[in-house]
PDB file of N, CA and C in Angstrom:
ATOM      1  N   UNK A   1      36.742  15.045  15.846  1.00  0.00           N
ATOM      2  CA  UNK A   1      36.618  14.035  14.698  1.00  0.00           C
ATOM      3  C   UNK A   1      35.742  14.749  13.552  1.00  0.00           C
ATOM      4  N   UNK A   2      35.762  14.189  12.408  1.00  0.00           N
ATOM      5  CA  UNK A   2      35.093  14.850  11.323  1.00  0.00           C
ATOM      6  C   UNK A   2      33.792  14.105  10.811  1.00  0.00           C
ATOM      7  N   UNK A   3      32.959  14.939  10.222  1.00  0.00           N
ATOM      8  CA  UNK A   3      31.775  14.438   9.543  1.00  0.00           C
ATOM      9  C   UNK A   3      32.180  14.283   8.040  1.00  0.00           C
ATOM     10  N   UNK A   4      32.117  13.029   7.558  1.00  0.00           N
ATOM     11  CA  UNK A   4      32.730  12.814   6.274  1.00  0.00           C
ATOM     12  C   UNK A   4      31.778  12.159   5.245  1.00  0.00           C
ATOM     13  N   UNK A   5      31.863  12.581   4.030  1.00  0.00           N
ATOM     14  CA  UNK A   5      31.184  12.034   2.852  1.00  0.00           C
ATOM     15  C   UNK A   5      32.176  11.187   2.132  1.00  0.00           C
ATOM     16  N   UNK A   6      31.886   9.987   1.813  1.00  0.00           N
ATOM     17  CA  UNK A   6      32.671   9.112   1.080  1.00  0.00           C
ATOM     18  C   UNK A   6      32.127   8.886  -0.321  1.00  0.00           C
ATOM     19  N   UNK A   7      33.003   9.209  -1.371  1.00  0.00           N
ATOM     20  CA  UNK A   7      32.620   9.105  -2.752  1.00  0.00           C
ATOM     21  C   UNK A   7      33.464   8.077  -3.498  1.00  0.00           C
ATOM     22  N   UNK A   8      32.857   7.058  -3.932  1.00  0.00           N
ATOM     23  CA  UNK A   8      33.607   6.111  -4.718  1.00  0.00           C
ATOM     24  C   UNK A   8      32.538   5.223  -5.512  1.00  0.00           C
ATOM     25  N   UNK A   9      32.890   4.858  -6.745  1.00  0.00           N
ATOM     26  CA  UNK A   9      31.910   4.094  -7.487  1.00  0.00           C
ATOM     27  C   UNK A   9      31.784   2.662  -7.203  1.00  0.00           C
ATOM     28  N   UNK A  10      32.664   2.104  -6.314  1.00  0.00           N
ATOM     29  CA  UNK A  10      32.561   0.708  -5.885  1.00  0.00           C
ATOM     30  C   UNK A  10      32.203   0.627  -4.481  1.00  0.00           C
ATOM     31  N   UNK A  11      31.178  -0.194  -4.172  1.00  0.00           N
ATOM     32  CA  UNK A  11      30.650  -0.374  -2.913  1.00  0.00           C
ATOM     33  C   UNK A  11      31.783  -0.881  -1.847  1.00  0.00           C
ATOM     34  N   UNK A  12      32.606  -1.842  -2.471  1.00  0.00           N
ATOM     35  CA  UNK A  12      33.715  -2.420  -1.652  1.00  0.00           C
ATOM     36  C   UNK A  12      34.602  -1.305  -1.074  1.00  0.00           C
ATOM     37  N   UNK A  13      34.996  -0.325  -1.944  1.00  0.00           N
ATOM     38  CA  UNK A  13      35.915   0.728  -1.569  1.00  0.00           C
ATOM     39  C   UNK A  13      35.203   1.646  -0.510  1.00  0.00           C
ATOM     40  N   UNK A  14      33.933   1.918  -0.759  1.00  0.00           N
ATOM     41  CA  UNK A  14      33.207   2.777   0.242  1.00  0.00           C
ATOM     42  C   UNK A  14      33.159   2.101   1.617  1.00  0.00           C
ATOM     43  N   UNK A  15      32.841   0.814   1.570  1.00  0.00           N
ATOM     44  CA  UNK A  15      32.825   0.072   2.844  1.00  0.00           C
ATOM     45  C   UNK A  15      34.171   0.056   3.540  1.00  0.00           C
ATOM     46  N   UNK A  16      35.166  -0.195   2.767  1.00  0.00           N
ATOM     47  CA  UNK A  16      36.560  -0.245   3.326  1.00  0.00           C
ATOM     48  C   UNK A  16      36.938   1.123   3.921  1.00  0.00           C
ATOM     49  N   UNK A  17      36.665   2.211   3.258  1.00  0.00           N
ATOM     50  CA  UNK A  17      36.912   3.562   3.800  1.00  0.00           C
ATOM     51  C   UNK A  17      36.067   3.826   5.006  1.00  0.00           C
ATOM     52  N   UNK A  18      34.790   3.425   4.962  1.00  0.00           N
ATOM     53  CA  UNK A  18      33.907   3.647   6.047  1.00  0.00           C
ATOM     54  C   UNK A  18      34.422   3.011   7.323  1.00  0.00           C
ATOM     55  N   UNK A  19      34.904   1.724   7.161  1.00  0.00           N
ATOM     56  CA  UNK A  19      35.438   0.988   8.325  1.00  0.00           C
ATOM     57  C   UNK A  19      36.590   1.675   8.884  1.00  0.00           C
ATOM     58  N   UNK A  20      37.525   2.058   7.996  1.00  0.00           N
ATOM     59  CA  UNK A  20      38.768   2.692   8.472  1.00  0.00           C
ATOM     60  C   UNK A  20      38.485   4.033   9.143  1.00  0.00           C
ATOM     61  N   UNK A  21      37.591   4.854   8.588  1.00  0.00           N
ATOM     62  CA  UNK A  21      37.272   6.148   9.109  1.00  0.00           C
ATOM     63  C   UNK A  21      36.475   6.033  10.503  1.00  0.00           C
ATOM     64  N   UNK A  22      35.514   5.047  10.471  1.00  0.00           N
ATOM     65  CA  UNK A  22      34.796   4.870  11.696  1.00  0.00           C
ATOM     66  C   UNK A  22      35.686   4.398  12.862  1.00  0.00           C
ATOM     67  N   UNK A  23      36.693   3.530  12.534  1.00  0.00           N
ATOM     68  CA  UNK A  23      37.599   3.058  13.536  1.00  0.00           C
ATOM     69  C   UNK A  23      38.505   4.183  14.089  1.00  0.00           C
ATOM     70  N   UNK A  24      38.605   5.296  13.263  1.00  0.00           N
ATOM     71  CA  UNK A  24      39.304   6.484  13.793  1.00  0.00           C
ATOM     72  C   UNK A  24      38.500   7.501  14.428  1.00  0.00           C
ATOM     73  N   UNK A  25      37.199   7.140  14.650  1.00  0.00           N
ATOM     74  CA  UNK A  25      36.276   7.986  15.452  1.00  0.00           C
ATOM     75  C   UNK A  25      35.492   9.007  14.628  1.00  0.00           C
ATOM     76  N   UNK A  26      35.609   8.906  13.293  1.00  0.00           N
ATOM     77  CA  UNK A  26      34.886   9.827  12.397  1.00  0.00           C
ATOM     78  C   UNK A  26      33.433   9.388  12.206  1.00  0.00           C
ATOM     79  N   UNK A  27      32.546  10.331  11.853  1.00  0.00           N
ATOM     80  CA  UNK A  27      31.207  10.104  11.572  1.00  0.00           C
ATOM     81  C   UNK A  27      31.058  10.128  10.098  1.00  0.00           C
ATOM     82  N   UNK A  28      30.464   9.038   9.519  1.00  0.00           N
ATOM     83  CA  UNK A  28      30.172   8.975   8.130  1.00  0.00           C
ATOM     84  C   UNK A  28      28.798   9.578   7.876  1.00  0.00           C
ATOM     85  N   UNK A  29      28.682  10.717   7.180  1.00  0.00           N
ATOM     86  CA  UNK A  29      27.389  11.379   7.074  1.00  0.00           C
ATOM     87  C   UNK A  29      26.664  10.905   5.747  1.00  0.00           C
ATOM     88  N   UNK A  30      27.439  10.364   4.845  1.00  0.00           N
ATOM     89  CA  UNK A  30      26.815   9.982   3.563  1.00  0.00           C
ATOM     90  C   UNK A  30      27.856   9.311   2.621  1.00  0.00           C
ATOM     91  N   UNK A  31      27.262   8.712   1.606  1.00  0.00           N
ATOM     92  CA  UNK A  31      28.057   8.077   0.607  1.00  0.00           C
ATOM     93  C   UNK A  31      27.506   8.442  -0.843  1.00  0.00           C
ATOM     94  N   UNK A  32      28.399   8.448  -1.802  1.00  0.00           N
ATOM     95  CA  UNK A  32      27.950   8.715  -3.141  1.00  0.00           C
ATOM     96  C   UNK A  32      28.795   7.836  -4.108  1.00  0.00           C
ATOM     97  N   UNK A  33      28.132   7.406  -5.184  1.00  0.00           N
ATOM     98  CA  UNK A  33      28.701   6.468  -6.161  1.00  0.00           C
ATOM     99  C   UNK A  33      29.286   7.121  -7.429  1.00  0.00           C
ATOM    100  N   UNK A  34      28.973   8.428  -7.555  1.00  0.00           N
ATOM    101  CA  UNK A  34      29.593   9.168  -8.715  1.00  0.00           C
ATOM    102  C   UNK A  34      29.688  10.637  -8.405  1.00  0.00           C
ATOM    103  N   UNK A  35      30.267  11.360  -9.299  1.00  0.00           N
ATOM    104  CA  UNK A  35      30.580  12.786  -8.995  1.00  0.00           C
ATOM    105  C   UNK A  35      29.331  13.605  -8.940  1.00  0.00           C
ATOM    106  N   UNK A  36      28.320  13.349  -9.771  1.00  0.00           N
ATOM    107  CA  UNK A  36      27.046  14.077  -9.767  1.00  0.00           C
ATOM    108  C   UNK A  36      26.417  13.930  -8.423  1.00  0.00           C
ATOM    109  N   UNK A  37      26.327  12.692  -7.948  1.00  0.00           N
ATOM    110  CA  UNK A  37      25.703  12.429  -6.622  1.00  0.00           C
ATOM    111  C   UNK A  37      26.502  13.139  -5.520  1.00  0.00           C
ATOM    112  N   UNK A  38      27.862  13.104  -5.691  1.00  0.00           N
ATOM    113  CA  UNK A  38      28.693  13.752  -4.654  1.00  0.00           C
ATOM    114  C   UNK A  38      28.431  15.205  -4.490  1.00  0.00           C
ATOM    115  N   UNK A  39      28.256  15.941  -5.559  1.00  0.00           N
ATOM    116  CA  UNK A  39      28.016  17.340  -5.501  1.00  0.00           C
ATOM    117  C   UNK A  39      26.677  17.623  -4.867  1.00  0.00           C
ATOM    118  N   UNK A  40      25.675  16.852  -5.189  1.00  0.00           N
ATOM    119  CA  UNK A  40      24.330  17.011  -4.602  1.00  0.00           C
ATOM    120  C   UNK A  40      24.352  16.736  -3.079  1.00  0.00           C
ATOM    121  N   UNK A  41      25.030  15.616  -2.695  1.00  0.00           N
ATOM    122  CA  UNK A  41      25.081  15.254  -1.314  1.00  0.00           C
ATOM    123  C   UNK A  41      25.936  16.244  -0.498  1.00  0.00           C
ATOM    124  N   UNK A  42      26.979  16.797  -1.151  1.00  0.00           N
ATOM    125  CA  UNK A  42      27.800  17.789  -0.388  1.00  0.00           C
ATOM    126  C   UNK A  42      26.895  18.987  -0.120  1.00  0.00           C
ATOM    127  N   UNK A  43      26.129  19.408  -0.962  1.00  0.00           N
ATOM    128  CA  UNK A  43      25.275  20.551  -0.768  1.00  0.00           C
ATOM    129  C   UNK A  43      24.218  20.256   0.360  1.00  0.00           C
ATOM    130  N   UNK A  44      23.655  19.078   0.406  1.00  0.00           N
ATOM    131  CA  UNK A  44      22.650  18.642   1.445  1.00  0.00           C
ATOM    132  C   UNK A  44      23.318  18.507   2.744  1.00  0.00           C
ATOM    133  N   UNK A  45      24.481  17.745   2.843  1.00  0.00           N
ATOM    134  CA  UNK A  45      25.003  17.244   4.102  1.00  0.00           C
ATOM    135  C   UNK A  45      26.087  18.217   4.693  1.00  0.00           C
ATOM    136  N   UNK A  46      26.681  19.059   3.891  1.00  0.00           N
ATOM    137  CA  UNK A  46      27.672  19.943   4.352  1.00  0.00           C
ATOM    138  C   UNK A  46      28.746  19.268   5.243  1.00  0.00           C
ATOM    139  N   UNK A  47      29.411  18.222   4.798  1.00  0.00           N
ATOM    140  CA  UNK A  47      30.368  17.482   5.565  1.00  0.00           C
ATOM    141  C   UNK A  47      31.639  18.299   5.832  1.00  0.00           C
ATOM    142  N   UNK A  48      32.381  17.893   6.863  1.00  0.00           N
ATOM    143  CA  UNK A  48      33.647  18.577   7.164  1.00  0.00           C
ATOM    144  C   UNK A  48      34.793  18.169   6.160  1.00  0.00           C
ATOM    145  N   UNK A  49      34.586  17.040   5.558  1.00  0.00           N
ATOM    146  CA  UNK A  49      35.574  16.506   4.611  1.00  0.00           C
ATOM    147  C   UNK A  49      34.898  15.505   3.649  1.00  0.00           C
ATOM    148  N   UNK A  50      35.522  15.466   2.497  1.00  0.00           N
ATOM    149  CA  UNK A  50      35.036  14.495   1.472  1.00  0.00           C
ATOM    150  C   UNK A  50      36.253  13.612   1.044  1.00  0.00           C
ATOM    151  N   UNK A  51      36.006  12.310   0.962  1.00  0.00           N
ATOM    152  CA  UNK A  51      37.011  11.432   0.331  1.00  0.00           C
ATOM    153  C   UNK A  51      36.470  11.187  -1.075  1.00  0.00           C
ATOM    154  N   UNK A  52      37.227  11.464  -2.112  1.00  0.00           N
ATOM    155  CA  UNK A  52      36.752  11.497  -3.454  1.00  0.00           C
ATOM    156  C   UNK A  52      37.653  10.568  -4.356  1.00  0.00           C
ATOM    157  N   UNK A  53      36.971   9.586  -4.974  1.00  0.00           N
ATOM    158  CA  UNK A  53      37.673   8.724  -5.962  1.00  0.00           C
ATOM    159  C   UNK A  53      37.927   9.578  -7.169  1.00  0.00           C
ATOM    160  N   UNK A  54      38.994   9.328  -7.889  1.00  0.00           N
ATOM    161  CA  UNK A  54      39.323  10.075  -9.081  1.00  0.00           C
ATOM    162  C   UNK A  54      38.559   9.616 -10.343  1.00  0.00           C
ATOM    163  N   UNK A  55      38.550   8.274 -10.470  1.00  0.00           N
ATOM    164  CA  UNK A  55      37.913   7.732 -11.669  1.00  0.00           C
ATOM    165  C   UNK A  55      36.479   7.141 -11.313  1.00  0.00           C
ATOM    166  N   UNK A  56      35.446   7.860 -11.894  1.00  0.00           N
ATOM    167  CA  UNK A  56      34.070   7.476 -11.653  1.00  0.00           C
ATOM    168  C   UNK A  56      33.175   7.766 -12.900  1.00  0.00           C
ATOM    169  N   UNK A  57      32.107   7.035 -13.019  1.00  0.00           N
ATOM    170  CA  UNK A  57      31.219   7.321 -14.141  1.00  0.00           C
ATOM    171  C   UNK A  57      30.461   8.690 -13.962  1.00  0.00           C
ATOM    172  N   UNK A  58      29.765   9.139 -15.034  1.00  0.00           N
ATOM    173  CA  UNK A  58      28.957  10.376 -15.074  1.00  0.00           C
ATOM    174  C   UNK A  58      29.804  11.541 -14.880  1.00  0.00           C
ATOM    175  N   UNK A  59      30.361  11.823 -13.669  1.00  0.00           N
ATOM    176  CA  UNK A  59      31.243  12.959 -13.491  1.00  0.00           C
ATOM    177  C   UNK A  59      32.487  12.425 -12.651  1.00  0.00           C
ATOM    178  N   UNK A  60      33.710  12.619 -13.220  1.00  0.00           N
ATOM    179  CA  UNK A  60      34.869  12.079 -12.497  1.00  0.00           C
ATOM    180  C   UNK A  60      35.136  12.931 -11.220  1.00  0.00           C
ATOM    181  N   UNK A  61      36.041  12.493 -10.447  1.00  0.00           N
ATOM    182  CA  UNK A  61      36.374  13.116  -9.173  1.00  0.00           C
ATOM    183  C   UNK A  61      36.895  14.538  -9.278  1.00  0.00           C
ATOM    184  N   UNK A  62      37.688  14.771 -10.371  1.00  0.00           N
ATOM    185  CA  UNK A  62      38.286  16.137 -10.548  1.00  0.00           C
ATOM    186  C   UNK A  62      37.113  17.054 -10.878  1.00  0.00           C
ATOM    187  N   UNK A  63      36.213  16.696 -11.740  1.00  0.00           N
ATOM    188  CA  UNK A  63      35.072  17.602 -12.111  1.00  0.00           C
ATOM    189  C   UNK A  63      34.190  17.810 -10.915  1.00  0.00           C
ATOM    190  N   UNK A  64      33.924  16.790 -10.120  1.00  0.00           N
ATOM    191  CA  UNK A  64      33.172  16.945  -8.913  1.00  0.00           C
ATOM    192  C   UNK A  64      33.772  17.793  -7.903  1.00  0.00           C
ATOM    193  N   UNK A  65      35.095  17.671  -7.773  1.00  0.00           N
ATOM    194  CA  UNK A  65      35.904  18.553  -6.856  1.00  0.00           C
ATOM    195  C   UNK A  65      35.786  20.003  -7.241  1.00  0.00           C
ATOM    196  N   UNK A  66      35.914  20.310  -8.565  1.00  0.00           N
ATOM    197  CA  UNK A  66      35.775  21.685  -9.005  1.00  0.00           C
ATOM    198  C   UNK A  66      34.349  22.238  -8.749  1.00  0.00           C
ATOM    199  N   UNK A  67      33.300  21.458  -8.921  1.00  0.00           N
ATOM    200  CA  UNK A  67      31.930  21.858  -8.634  1.00  0.00           C
ATOM    201  C   UNK A  67      31.754  22.110  -7.077  1.00  0.00           C
ATOM    202  N   UNK A  68      32.297  21.216  -6.275  1.00  0.00           N
ATOM    203  CA  UNK A  68      32.252  21.458  -4.848  1.00  0.00           C
ATOM    204  C   UNK A  68      32.871  22.698  -4.466  1.00  0.00           C
ATOM    205  N   UNK A  69      34.132  22.916  -5.006  1.00  0.00           N
ATOM    206  CA  UNK A  69      34.919  24.125  -4.580  1.00  0.00           C
ATOM    207  C   UNK A  69      34.198  25.416  -5.089  1.00  0.00           C
ATOM    208  N   UNK A  70      33.444  25.280  -6.195  1.00  0.00           N
ATOM    209  CA  UNK A  70      32.705  26.498  -6.618  1.00  0.00           C
ATOM    210  C   UNK A  70      31.607  26.912  -5.588  1.00  0.00           C
ATOM    211  N   UNK A  71      30.950  25.845  -5.012  1.00  0.00           N
ATOM    212  CA  UNK A  71      29.887  26.036  -3.954  1.00  0.00           C
ATOM    213  C   UNK A  71      30.507  26.469  -2.650  1.00  0.00           C
ATOM    214  N   UNK A  72      31.642  25.844  -2.323  1.00  0.00           N
ATOM    215  CA  UNK A  72      32.319  26.113  -1.048  1.00  0.00           C
ATOM    216  C   UNK A  72      33.838  26.121  -1.221  1.00  0.00           C
ATOM    217  N   UNK A  73      34.420  27.316  -1.376  1.00  0.00           N
ATOM    218  CA  UNK A  73      35.837  27.467  -1.648  1.00  0.00           C
ATOM    219  C   UNK A  73      36.614  26.809  -0.472  1.00  0.00           C
ATOM    220  N   UNK A  74      36.050  26.703   0.712  1.00  0.00           N
ATOM    221  CA  UNK A  74      36.773  26.095   1.849  1.00  0.00           C
ATOM    222  C   UNK A  74      36.604  24.674   1.975  1.00  0.00           C
ATOM    223  N   UNK A  75      35.999  24.003   1.095  1.00  0.00           N
ATOM    224  CA  UNK A  75      35.739  22.528   1.160  1.00  0.00           C
ATOM    225  C   UNK A  75      37.055  21.799   1.261  1.00  0.00           C
ATOM    226  N   UNK A  76      36.984  20.758   2.079  1.00  0.00           N
ATOM    227  CA  UNK A  76      38.150  19.916   2.368  1.00  0.00           C
ATOM    228  C   UNK A  76      37.920  18.619   1.685  1.00  0.00           C
ATOM    229  N   UNK A  77      38.702  18.311   0.587  1.00  0.00           N
ATOM    230  CA  UNK A  77      38.584  17.135  -0.146  1.00  0.00           C
ATOM    231  C   UNK A  77      39.865  16.372  -0.243  1.00  0.00           C
ATOM    232  N   UNK A  78      39.826  15.095   0.075  1.00  0.00           N
ATOM    233  CA  UNK A  78      40.963  14.208  -0.048  1.00  0.00           C
ATOM    234  C   UNK A  78      40.693  13.240  -1.166  1.00  0.00           C
ATOM    235  N   UNK A  79      41.536  13.242  -2.195  1.00  0.00           N
ATOM    236  CA  UNK A  79      41.409  12.393  -3.379  1.00  0.00           C
ATOM    237  C   UNK A  79      41.917  10.989  -3.035  1.00  0.00           C
ATOM    238  N   UNK A  80      41.202  10.065  -3.641  1.00  0.00           N
ATOM    239  CA  UNK A  80      41.563   8.625  -3.516  1.00  0.00           C
ATOM    240  C   UNK A  80      42.019   8.211  -4.920  1.00  0.00           C
ATOM    241  N   UNK A  81      43.230   7.712  -5.027  1.00  0.00           N
ATOM    242  CA  UNK A  81      43.735   7.421  -6.384  1.00  0.00           C
ATOM    243  C   UNK A  81      44.439   6.116  -6.370  1.00  0.00           C
ATOM    244  N   UNK A  82      44.562   5.503  -7.578  1.00  0.00           N
ATOM    245  CA  UNK A  82      45.400   4.280  -7.696  1.00  0.00           C
ATOM    246  C   UNK A  82      46.731   4.570  -8.031  1.00  0.00           C
ATOM    247  N   UNK A  83      47.614   3.571  -7.694  1.00  0.00           N
ATOM    248  CA  UNK A  83      49.016   3.827  -8.005  1.00  0.00           C
ATOM    249  C   UNK A  83      49.192   4.095  -9.533  1.00  0.00           C
ATOM    250  N   UNK A  84      50.096   5.062  -9.894  1.00  0.00           N
ATOM    251  CA  UNK A  84      50.232   5.300 -11.315  1.00  0.00           C
ATOM    252  C   UNK A  84      49.347   6.514 -11.863  1.00  0.00           C
ATOM    253  N   UNK A  85      48.598   7.144 -11.008  1.00  0.00           N
ATOM    254  CA  UNK A  85      47.731   8.199 -11.410  1.00  0.00           C
ATOM    255  C   UNK A  85      48.333   9.567 -10.880  1.00  0.00           C
ATOM    256  N   UNK A  86      49.633   9.716 -10.941  1.00  0.00           N
ATOM    257  CA  UNK A  86      50.267  10.897 -10.331  1.00  0.00           C
ATOM    258  C   UNK A  86      49.807  12.178 -11.091  1.00  0.00           C
ATOM    259  N   UNK A  87      49.580  12.045 -12.358  1.00  0.00           N
ATOM    260  CA  UNK A  87      49.170  13.267 -13.120  1.00  0.00           C
ATOM    261  C   UNK A  87      47.829  13.706 -12.643  1.00  0.00           C
ATOM    262  N   UNK A  88      46.911  12.802 -12.418  1.00  0.00           N
ATOM    263  CA  UNK A  88      45.631  13.043 -11.824  1.00  0.00           C
ATOM    264  C   UNK A  88      45.612  13.744 -10.502  1.00  0.00           C
ATOM    265  N   UNK A  89      46.623  13.221  -9.717  1.00  0.00           N
ATOM    266  CA  UNK A  89      46.758  13.850  -8.291  1.00  0.00           C
ATOM    267  C   UNK A  89      47.252  15.290  -8.442  1.00  0.00           C
ATOM    268  N   UNK A  90      48.244  15.527  -9.286  1.00  0.00           N
ATOM    269  CA  UNK A  90      48.659  16.926  -9.499  1.00  0.00           C
ATOM    270  C   UNK A  90      47.571  17.809  -9.960  1.00  0.00           C
ATOM    271  N   UNK A  91      46.679  17.339 -10.793  1.00  0.00           N
ATOM    272  CA  UNK A  91      45.560  18.154 -11.337  1.00  0.00           C
ATOM    273  C   UNK A  91      44.610  18.340 -10.208  1.00  0.00           C
ATOM    274  N   UNK A  92      44.385  17.292  -9.379  1.00  0.00           N
ATOM    275  CA  UNK A  92      43.396  17.406  -8.289  1.00  0.00           C
ATOM    276  C   UNK A  92      43.913  18.470  -7.279  1.00  0.00           C
ATOM    277  N   UNK A  93      45.144  18.470  -6.910  1.00  0.00           N
ATOM    278  CA  UNK A  93      45.675  19.421  -6.003  1.00  0.00           C
ATOM    279  C   UNK A  93      45.591  20.831  -6.609  1.00  0.00           C
ATOM    280  N   UNK A  94      45.937  21.008  -7.918  1.00  0.00           N
ATOM    281  CA  UNK A  94      45.719  22.342  -8.556  1.00  0.00           C
ATOM    282  C   UNK A  94      44.293  22.754  -8.547  1.00  0.00           C
ATOM    283  N   UNK A  95      43.375  21.780  -8.603  1.00  0.00           N
ATOM    284  CA  UNK A  95      41.984  22.095  -8.594  1.00  0.00           C
ATOM    285  C   UNK A  95      41.372  22.291  -7.135  1.00  0.00           C
ATOM    286  N   UNK A  96      42.181  22.201  -6.130  1.00  0.00           N
ATOM    287  CA  UNK A  96      41.714  22.470  -4.824  1.00  0.00           C
ATOM    288  C   UNK A  96      41.643  21.342  -3.753  1.00  0.00           C
ATOM    289  N   UNK A  97      42.075  20.135  -4.215  1.00  0.00           N
ATOM    290  CA  UNK A  97      42.133  19.057  -3.237  1.00  0.00           C
ATOM    291  C   UNK A  97      43.131  19.373  -2.153  1.00  0.00           C
ATOM    292  N   UNK A  98      42.893  18.978  -0.922  1.00  0.00           N
ATOM    293  CA  UNK A  98      43.780  19.303   0.123  1.00  0.00           C
ATOM    294  C   UNK A  98      44.755  18.187   0.501  1.00  0.00           C
ATOM    295  N   UNK A  99      44.500  17.048  -0.116  1.00  0.00           N
ATOM    296  CA  UNK A  99      45.362  15.883   0.110  1.00  0.00           C
ATOM    297  C   UNK A  99      44.965  14.703  -0.739  1.00  0.00           C
ATOM    298  N   UNK A 100      45.660  13.558  -0.577  1.00  0.00           N
ATOM    299  CA  UNK A 100      45.300  12.340  -1.276  1.00  0.00           C
ATOM    300  C   UNK A 100      45.778  11.200  -0.601  1.00  0.00           C
ATOM    301  N   UNK A 101      45.129  10.027  -0.795  1.00  0.00           N
ATOM    302  CA  UNK A 101      45.535   8.706  -0.394  1.00  0.00           C
ATOM    303  C   UNK A 101      45.554   7.701  -1.633  1.00  0.00           C
ATOM    304  N   UNK A 102      46.465   6.756  -1.494  1.00  0.00           N
ATOM    305  CA  UNK A 102      46.708   5.865  -2.602  1.00  0.00           C
ATOM    306  C   UNK A 102      46.049   4.548  -2.296  1.00  0.00           C
ATOM    307  N   UNK A 103      45.357   4.012  -3.253  1.00  0.00           N
ATOM    308  CA  UNK A 103      44.828   2.575  -3.135  1.00  0.00           C
ATOM    309  C   UNK A 103      45.954   1.590  -3.436  1.00  0.00           C
ATOM    310  N   UNK A 104      45.996   0.461  -2.823  1.00  0.00           N
ATOM    311  CA  UNK A 104      45.208  -0.121  -1.806  1.00  0.00           C
ATOM    312  C   UNK A 104      45.271   0.737  -0.446  1.00  0.00           C
ATOM    313  N   UNK A 105      44.285   0.966   0.182  1.00  0.00           N
ATOM    314  CA  UNK A 105      44.272   1.848   1.408  1.00  0.00           C
ATOM    315  C   UNK A 105      45.007   1.122   2.513  1.00  0.00           C
ATOM    316  N   UNK A 106      45.844   1.888   3.249  1.00  0.00           N
ATOM    317  CA  UNK A 106      46.341   1.469   4.439  1.00  0.00           C
ATOM    318  C   UNK A 106      45.779   2.353   5.567  1.00  0.00           C
ATOM    319  N   UNK A 107      45.177   1.784   6.547  1.00  0.00           N
ATOM    320  CA  UNK A 107      44.379   2.492   7.546  1.00  0.00           C
ATOM    321  C   UNK A 107      45.204   3.677   8.211  1.00  0.00           C
ATOM    322  N   UNK A 108      46.443   3.486   8.628  1.00  0.00           N
ATOM    323  CA  UNK A 108      47.162   4.523   9.298  1.00  0.00           C
ATOM    324  C   UNK A 108      47.366   5.758   8.411  1.00  0.00           C
ATOM    325  N   UNK A 109      47.667   5.474   7.163  1.00  0.00           N
ATOM    326  CA  UNK A 109      47.882   6.591   6.184  1.00  0.00           C
ATOM    327  C   UNK A 109      46.631   7.350   5.883  1.00  0.00           C
ATOM    328  N   UNK A 110      45.517   6.677   5.696  1.00  0.00           N
ATOM    329  CA  UNK A 110      44.235   7.231   5.515  1.00  0.00           C
ATOM    330  C   UNK A 110      43.828   8.187   6.719  1.00  0.00           C
ATOM    331  N   UNK A 111      44.015   7.628   7.927  1.00  0.00           N
ATOM    332  CA  UNK A 111      43.622   8.368   9.157  1.00  0.00           C
ATOM    333  C   UNK A 111      44.515   9.565   9.290  1.00  0.00           C
ATOM    334  N   UNK A 112      45.778   9.390   9.064  1.00  0.00           N
ATOM    335  CA  UNK A 112      46.775  10.541   9.166  1.00  0.00           C
ATOM    336  C   UNK A 112      46.441  11.652   8.173  1.00  0.00           C
ATOM    337  N   UNK A 113      46.180  11.309   6.936  1.00  0.00           N
ATOM    338  CA  UNK A 113      45.849  12.373   5.952  1.00  0.00           C
ATOM    339  C   UNK A 113      44.559  13.036   6.280  1.00  0.00           C
ATOM    340  N   UNK A 114      43.522  12.293   6.732  1.00  0.00           N
ATOM    341  CA  UNK A 114      42.278  12.904   7.060  1.00  0.00           C
ATOM    342  C   UNK A 114      42.458  13.826   8.284  1.00  0.00           C
ATOM    343  N   UNK A 115      43.145  13.393   9.240  1.00  0.00           N
ATOM    344  CA  UNK A 115      43.454  14.200  10.374  1.00  0.00           C
ATOM    345  C   UNK A 115      44.182  15.539   9.992  1.00  0.00           C
ATOM    346  N   UNK A 116      45.211  15.383   9.238  1.00  0.00           N
ATOM    347  CA  UNK A 116      45.963  16.572   8.772  1.00  0.00           C
ATOM    348  C   UNK A 116      45.094  17.566   8.069  1.00  0.00           C
ATOM    349  N   UNK A 117      44.218  17.065   7.098  1.00  0.00           N
ATOM    350  CA  UNK A 117      43.380  17.932   6.289  1.00  0.00           C
ATOM    351  C   UNK A 117      42.245  18.608   7.202  1.00  0.00           C
ATOM    352  N   UNK A 118      41.738  17.818   8.079  1.00  0.00           N
ATOM    353  CA  UNK A 118      40.760  18.379   8.916  1.00  0.00           C
ATOM    354  C   UNK A 118      41.331  19.568   9.908  1.00  0.00           C
ATOM    355  N   UNK A 119      42.630  19.391  10.234  1.00  0.00           N
ATOM    356  CA  UNK A 119      43.297  20.372  11.065  1.00  0.00           C
ATOM    357  C   UNK A 119      43.735  21.601  10.301  1.00  0.00           C
ATOM    358  N   UNK A 120      43.776  21.518   8.940  1.00  0.00           N
ATOM    359  CA  UNK A 120      44.292  22.661   8.129  1.00  0.00           C
ATOM    360  C   UNK A 120      43.349  23.723   7.939  1.00  0.00           C
TER     361      UNK A 120
END
């Protein structure tokens, strides 16, 4: 199971993801509420995987993804996106994201995506 950093600007979504991932046996090593905080925490915590919201204040998820990939080209990041943000998902994959999940989250899909990315 993985050591995971959860990044989302809403506490509700972070808690929801935390519960889903914890139920799947993963360890939550940290949380961040924006991209700037995510980059700093990635550096400190060195998680196995990051779940990254796309739309956030200060630094969005795509920008944070690019910064994390500069630090660690092997970083495993799963983007979290709302329905209708397909263009953002394509940009995220081009920028180095290994996968994505769509809100509203469905636990089996989140756990499958995380498992697949961790195994890659």
